[in-house]
C-alpha atoms as a PDB file:
ATOM      1  CA  MET A   1       0.000   0.000   0.000  1.00  0.00           C
ATOM      2  CA  THR A   2       1.430   3.378  -0.964  1.00  0.00           C
ATOM      3  CA  THR A   3       0.623   6.733   0.534  1.00  0.00           C
ATOM      4  CA  ASN A   4       1.005  10.243  -0.790  1.00  0.00           C
ATOM      5  CA  THR A   5       2.736  11.374   2.380  1.00  0.00           C
ATOM      6  CA  PRO A   6       6.288  12.509   1.586  1.00  0.00           C
ATOM      7  CA  ARG A   7       9.165  10.924   3.482  1.00  0.00           C
ATOM      8  CA  LEU A   8      10.407  13.106   6.340  1.00  0.00           C
ATOM      9  CA  PHE A   9      13.562  14.933   5.277  1.00  0.00           C
ATOM     10  CA  LYS A  10      16.146  15.195   8.044  1.00  0.00           C
ATOM     11  CA  TRP A  11      19.111  17.575   8.040  1.00  0.00           C
ATOM     12  CA  ASP A  12      22.439  15.937   8.870  1.00  0.00           C
ATOM     13  CA  ARG A  13      24.076  16.250  12.284  1.00  0.00           C
ATOM     14  CA  VAL A  14      26.541  18.991  11.315  1.00  0.00           C
ATOM     15  CA  VAL A  15      23.727  21.192  10.004  1.00  0.00           C
ATOM     16  CA  ARG A  16      21.519  20.594  13.053  1.00  0.00           C
ATOM     17  CA  LEU A  17      24.393  21.062  15.532  1.00  0.00           C
ATOM     18  CA  SER A  18      25.582  24.309  13.958  1.00  0.00           C
ATOM     19  CA  HIS A  19      22.001  25.597  13.582  1.00  0.00           C
ATOM     20  CA  TRP A  20      21.004  25.015  17.205  1.00  0.00           C
ATOM     21  CA  LEU A  21      24.349  26.144  18.609  1.00  0.00           C
ATOM     22  CA  ILE A  22      24.127  29.418  16.680  1.00  0.00           C
ATOM     23  CA  ALA A  23      20.468  29.861  17.655  1.00  0.00           C
ATOM     24  CA  ALA A  24      21.037  29.193  21.363  1.00  0.00           C
ATOM     25  CA  LEU A  25      24.118  31.394  21.692  1.00  0.00           C
ATOM     26  CA  PHE A  26      22.630  34.230  19.639  1.00  0.00           C
ATOM     27  CA  PHE A  27      19.496  34.148  21.813  1.00  0.00           C
ATOM     28  CA  ALA A  28      21.666  34.109  24.959  1.00  0.00           C
ATOM     29  CA  ASN A  29      23.714  37.075  23.731  1.00  0.00           C
ATOM     30  CA  MET A  30      20.567  39.032  22.871  1.00  0.00           C
ATOM     31  CA  SER A  31      18.719  38.354  26.108  1.00  0.00           C
ATOM     32  CA  VAL A  32      20.898  36.983  28.900  1.00  0.00           C
ATOM     33  CA  THR A  33      24.571  37.944  28.718  1.00  0.00           C
ATOM     34  CA  GLU A  34      25.867  41.386  29.589  1.00  0.00           C
ATOM     35  CA  GLU A  35      27.013  43.417  26.560  1.00  0.00           C
ATOM     36  CA  GLY A  36      30.791  43.409  26.342  1.00  0.00           C
ATOM     37  CA  SER A  37      31.226  40.746  29.024  1.00  0.00           C
ATOM     38  CA  ASP A  38      33.682  37.911  28.543  1.00  0.00           C
ATOM     39  CA  ILE A  39      30.870  35.364  28.107  1.00  0.00           C
ATOM     40  CA  HIS A  40      29.152  37.633  25.539  1.00  0.00           C
ATOM     41  CA  ARG A  41      32.379  37.796  23.525  1.00  0.00           C
ATOM     42  CA  TRP A  42      33.061  34.068  23.830  1.00  0.00           C
ATOM     43  CA  PHE A  43      29.544  33.225  22.678  1.00  0.00           C
ATOM     44  CA  GLY A  44      30.213  35.427  19.641  1.00  0.00           C
ATOM     45  CA  TYR A  45      33.450  33.556  18.923  1.00  0.00           C
ATOM     46  CA  VAL A  46      31.697  30.187  19.219  1.00  0.00           C
ATOM     47  CA  ILE A  47      28.973  31.418  16.842  1.00  0.00           C
ATOM     48  CA  LEU A  48      31.742  32.361  14.399  1.00  0.00           C
ATOM     49  CA  GLU A  49      33.285  28.898  14.725  1.00  0.00           C
ATOM     50  CA  ALA A  50      29.882  27.268  14.139  1.00  0.00           C
ATOM     51  CA  ILE A  51      29.346  29.372  10.984  1.00  0.00           C
ATOM     52  CA  VAL A  52      32.836  28.495   9.717  1.00  0.00           C
ATOM     53  CA  LEU A  53      32.190  24.805  10.451  1.00  0.00           C
ATOM     54  CA  ARG A  54      28.893  24.989   8.557  1.00  0.00           C
ATOM     55  CA  LEU A  55      30.507  26.747   5.587  1.00  0.00           C
ATOM     56  CA  ILE A  56      33.341  24.220   5.435  1.00  0.00           C
ATOM     57  CA  TRP A  57      30.812  21.395   5.701  1.00  0.00           C
ATOM     58  CA  GLY A  58      28.828  23.038   2.907  1.00  0.00           C
ATOM     59  CA  MET A  59      31.872  22.862   0.651  1.00  0.00           C
ATOM     60  CA  LEU A  60      32.730  19.252   1.517  1.00  0.00           C
ATOM     61  CA  THR A  61      29.393  17.467   1.728  1.00  0.00           C
ATOM     62  CA  HIS A  62      27.399  16.136  -1.196  1.00  0.00           C
ATOM     63  CA  SER A  63      24.109  16.342   0.711  1.00  0.00           C
ATOM     64  CA  GLU A  64      21.389  18.998   0.544  1.00  0.00           C
ATOM     65  CA  ALA A  65      23.619  21.051   2.870  1.00  0.00           C
ATOM     66  CA  ARG A  66      26.093  21.694   0.052  1.00  0.00           C
ATOM     67  CA  LEU A  67      26.429  25.459  -0.439  1.00  0.00           C
ATOM     68  CA  THR A  68      25.974  25.217  -4.205  1.00  0.00           C
ATOM     69  CA  ARG A  69      22.539  23.661  -3.660  1.00  0.00           C
ATOM     70  CA  PHE A  70      21.100  26.891  -2.271  1.00  0.00           C
ATOM     71  CA  ILE A  71      22.696  29.824  -4.012  1.00  0.00           C
ATOM     72  CA  PRO A  72      20.682  32.957  -3.145  1.00  0.00           C
ATOM     73  CA  SER A  73      18.600  34.422  -5.965  1.00  0.00           C
ATOM     74  CA  LEU A  74      15.960  37.142  -5.736  1.00  0.00           C
ATOM     75  CA  SER A  75      14.287  35.973  -8.946  1.00  0.00           C
ATOM     76  CA  ALA A  76      14.136  32.367  -7.714  1.00  0.00           C
ATOM     77  CA  ALA A  77      12.693  33.556  -4.380  1.00  0.00           C
ATOM     78  CA  ARG A  78      10.047  35.634  -6.200  1.00  0.00           C
ATOM     79  CA  ALA A  79       9.137  32.625  -8.337  1.00  0.00           C
ATOM     80  CA  HIS A  80       8.948  30.507  -5.189  1.00  0.00           C
ATOM     81  CA  PHE A  81       6.535  32.954  -3.519  1.00  0.00           C
ATOM     82  CA  SER A  82       4.485  33.113  -6.712  1.00  0.00           C
ATOM     83  CA  ASN A  83       4.229  29.314  -6.709  1.00  0.00           C
ATOM     84  CA  LEU A  84       3.193  29.310  -3.044  1.00  0.00           C
ATOM     85  CA  ILE A  85       0.419  31.818  -3.786  1.00  0.00           C
ATOM     86  CA  ARG A  86      -0.780  29.499  -6.566  1.00  0.00           C
ATOM     87  CA  GLY A  87      -0.842  26.584  -4.129  1.00  0.00           C
ATOM     88  CA  ARG A  88       2.311  24.886  -5.403  1.00  0.00           C
ATOM     89  CA  ASP A  89       4.678  23.903  -2.622  1.00  0.00           C
ATOM     90  CA  HIS A  90       8.449  23.514  -2.918  1.00  0.00           C
ATOM     91  CA  THR A  91       8.916  19.788  -3.455  1.00  0.00           C
ATOM     92  CA  SER A  92      12.642  19.127  -3.331  1.00  0.00           C
ATOM     93  CA  SER A  93      14.641  18.466  -0.180  1.00  0.00           C
ATOM     94  CA  GLY A  94      16.775  21.150   1.376  1.00  0.00           C
ATOM     95  CA  HIS A  95      16.321  24.892   1.295  1.00  0.00           C
ATOM     96  CA  ASN A  96      13.722  26.486  -0.926  1.00  0.00           C
ATOM     97  CA  PRO A  97      14.817  29.671  -2.798  1.00  0.00           C
ATOM     98  CA  ALA A  98      13.407  32.008  -0.126  1.00  0.00           C
ATOM     99  CA  ALA A  99      15.154  30.019   2.598  1.00  0.00           C
ATOM    100  CA  ALA A 100      18.420  30.275   0.656  1.00  0.00           C
ATOM    101  CA  LEU A 101      18.181  34.071   0.772  1.00  0.00           C
ATOM    102  CA  MET A 102      17.310  33.905   4.456  1.00  0.00           C
ATOM    103  CA  ILE A 103      20.195  31.630   5.423  1.00  0.00           C
ATOM    104  CA  TRP A 104      22.830  33.651   3.547  1.00  0.00           C
ATOM    105  CA  SER A 105      21.387  36.889   4.984  1.00  0.00           C
ATOM    106  CA  LEU A 106      21.481  35.488   8.516  1.00  0.00           C
ATOM    107  CA  TRP A 107      25.067  34.301   8.112  1.00  0.00           C
ATOM    108  CA  GLY A 108      26.059  37.686   6.677  1.00  0.00           C
ATOM    109  CA  LEU A 109      24.438  39.672   9.473  1.00  0.00           C
ATOM    110  CA  LEU A 110      25.902  37.379  12.120  1.00  0.00           C
ATOM    111  CA  LEU A 111      29.358  37.845  10.599  1.00  0.00           C
ATOM    112  CA  VAL A 112      28.919  41.642  10.596  1.00  0.00           C
ATOM    113  CA  THR A 113      27.803  41.467  14.236  1.00  0.00           C
ATOM    114  CA  ILE A 114      30.791  39.330  15.196  1.00  0.00           C
ATOM    115  CA  LEU A 115      33.311  41.401  13.214  1.00  0.00           C
ATOM    116  CA  THR A 116      32.106  44.695  14.671  1.00  0.00           C
ATOM    117  CA  GLY A 117      32.041  43.215  18.180  1.00  0.00           C
ATOM    118  CA  TRP A 118      35.575  41.900  17.798  1.00  0.00           C
ATOM    119  CA  THR A 119      36.758  45.226  16.360  1.00  0.00           C
ATOM    120  CA  MET A 120      35.286  47.094  19.328  1.00  0.00           C
ATOM    121  CA  THR A 121      37.255  44.894  21.740  1.00  0.00           C
ATOM    122  CA  GLN A 122      40.478  45.372  19.765  1.00  0.00           C
ATOM    123  CA  SER A 123      40.258  49.135  19.224  1.00  0.00           C
ATOM    124  CA  GLY A 124      40.695  50.085  22.875  1.00  0.00           C
ATOM    125  CA  GLU A 125      38.502  53.123  22.418  1.00  0.00           C
ATOM    126  CA  GLU A 126      34.779  53.663  22.188  1.00  0.00           C
ATOM    127  CA  LEU A 127      33.725  54.050  18.586  1.00  0.00           C
ATOM    128  CA  GLU A 128      30.059  54.981  18.673  1.00  0.00           C
ATOM    129  CA  TRP A 129      29.485  54.345  14.961  1.00  0.00           C
ATOM    130  CA  LEU A 130      30.918  50.838  15.286  1.00  0.00           C
ATOM    131  CA  GLU A 131      28.711  50.106  18.278  1.00  0.00           C
ATOM    132  CA  GLU A 132      25.695  51.319  16.283  1.00  0.00           C
ATOM    133  CA  VAL A 133      26.562  49.036  13.352  1.00  0.00           C
ATOM    134  CA  HIS A 134      27.006  46.154  15.810  1.00  0.00           C
ATOM    135  CA  GLU A 135      23.608  46.812  17.402  1.00  0.00           C
ATOM    136  CA  PHE A 136      21.902  47.309  14.053  1.00  0.00           C
ATOM    137  CA  ALA A 137      23.287  44.015  12.692  1.00  0.00           C
ATOM    138  CA  ALA A 138      22.270  42.133  15.849  1.00  0.00           C
ATOM    139  CA  ASN A 139      18.750  43.613  15.791  1.00  0.00           C
ATOM    140  CA  ALA A 140      18.391  42.972  12.048  1.00  0.00           C
ATOM    141  CA  THR A 141      19.444  39.378  12.702  1.00  0.00           C
ATOM    142  CA  LEU A 142      16.740  39.123  15.353  1.00  0.00           C
ATOM    143  CA  VAL A 143      14.136  40.393  12.866  1.00  0.00           C
ATOM    144  CA  LEU A 144      15.260  37.835  10.282  1.00  0.00           C
ATOM    145  CA  VAL A 145      15.251  35.070  12.904  1.00  0.00           C
ATOM    146  CA  THR A 146      11.639  35.966  13.729  1.00  0.00           C
ATOM    147  CA  ILE A 147      10.700  35.781  10.039  1.00  0.00           C
ATOM    148  CA  HIS A 148      12.691  32.538   9.651  1.00  0.00           C
ATOM    149  CA  VAL A 149      10.971  30.821  12.570  1.00  0.00           C
ATOM    150  CA  SER A 150       7.541  32.099  11.512  1.00  0.00           C
ATOM    151  CA  ALA A 151       8.068  30.875   7.944  1.00  0.00           C
ATOM    152  CA  ALA A 152       9.235  27.458   9.154  1.00  0.00           C
ATOM    153  CA  ILE A 153       6.130  27.137  11.330  1.00  0.00           C
ATOM    154  CA  LEU A 154       3.765  28.315   8.579  1.00  0.00           C
ATOM    155  CA  MET A 155       5.371  26.161   5.891  1.00  0.00           C
ATOM    156  CA  SER A 156       5.317  23.148   8.201  1.00  0.00           C
ATOM    157  CA  ARG A 157       1.670  23.751   9.009  1.00  0.00           C
ATOM    158  CA  PHE A 158       0.388  24.467   5.505  1.00  0.00           C
ATOM    159  CA  GLY A 159       3.009  22.897   3.228  1.00  0.00           C
ATOM    160  CA  LYS A 160       3.919  19.342   2.355  1.00  0.00           C
ATOM    161  CA  ARG A 161       7.066  19.187   4.502  1.00  0.00           C
ATOM    162  CA  ASN A 162       7.597  19.533   8.224  1.00  0.00           C
ATOM    163  CA  TYR A 163      10.499  21.961   8.385  1.00  0.00           C
ATOM    164  CA  ILE A 164      10.498  21.918  12.185  1.00  0.00           C
ATOM    165  CA  LYS A 165      10.919  18.136  12.467  1.00  0.00           C
ATOM    166  CA  SER A 166      13.676  18.176   9.857  1.00  0.00           C
ATOM    167  CA  MET A 167      15.838  20.215  12.281  1.00  0.00           C
ATOM    168  CA  LEU A 168      15.101  18.207  15.425  1.00  0.00           C
ATOM    169  CA  PRO A 169      17.405  15.448  16.713  1.00  0.00           C
END
C-alpha cells in the first residue's frame, strides 16, 4: 500500500548542531549575557566557529547542505513565492529559494555582528558608529530570525514538509 505522504527529510548532524548552537548562543547574547562581558564575547566567537564549520561542511558534503545547492537568488525567491500563492509547494529536499536568501542573509548579518564586536574589543577606544553598526546588525538578525521561525512554522503547518521536524534530533 502506498501513501502520498512525503518521506520526512532530516538535516544531517553537522547542520543541526551548527544551527542550534548558533540559535542558542545568539538568543543568549541578545537576552541573557551582559554586553561586552567575557561570556558575551566568547559566545560570539563560538557562533563564528559554528558558521565556519557549517561553511566548510557546505563545501565538503554532497548532501542537501552543500552550499551550491542553495545559491541565493531574488528571482528564484520571487518565483517561489508566486508558486506558493498558486498553491504549489516547494517539493525538493533542502532549502527552498526564499530560505536560501534567508540563510545567507542570517550568516552575513551574524558575521557583521561578530566582526564589529571583535573590532570594538580590539580598538581600545569607544567608537560609537561601530557600536551602532554592531547593534543594528544584531537587531536585524533578530528580525530575520523571527521571520525565519515564523516561515518554518507556517510552511510546516500548511506545506507538504515539516520543516520543524527536519531540524530536530
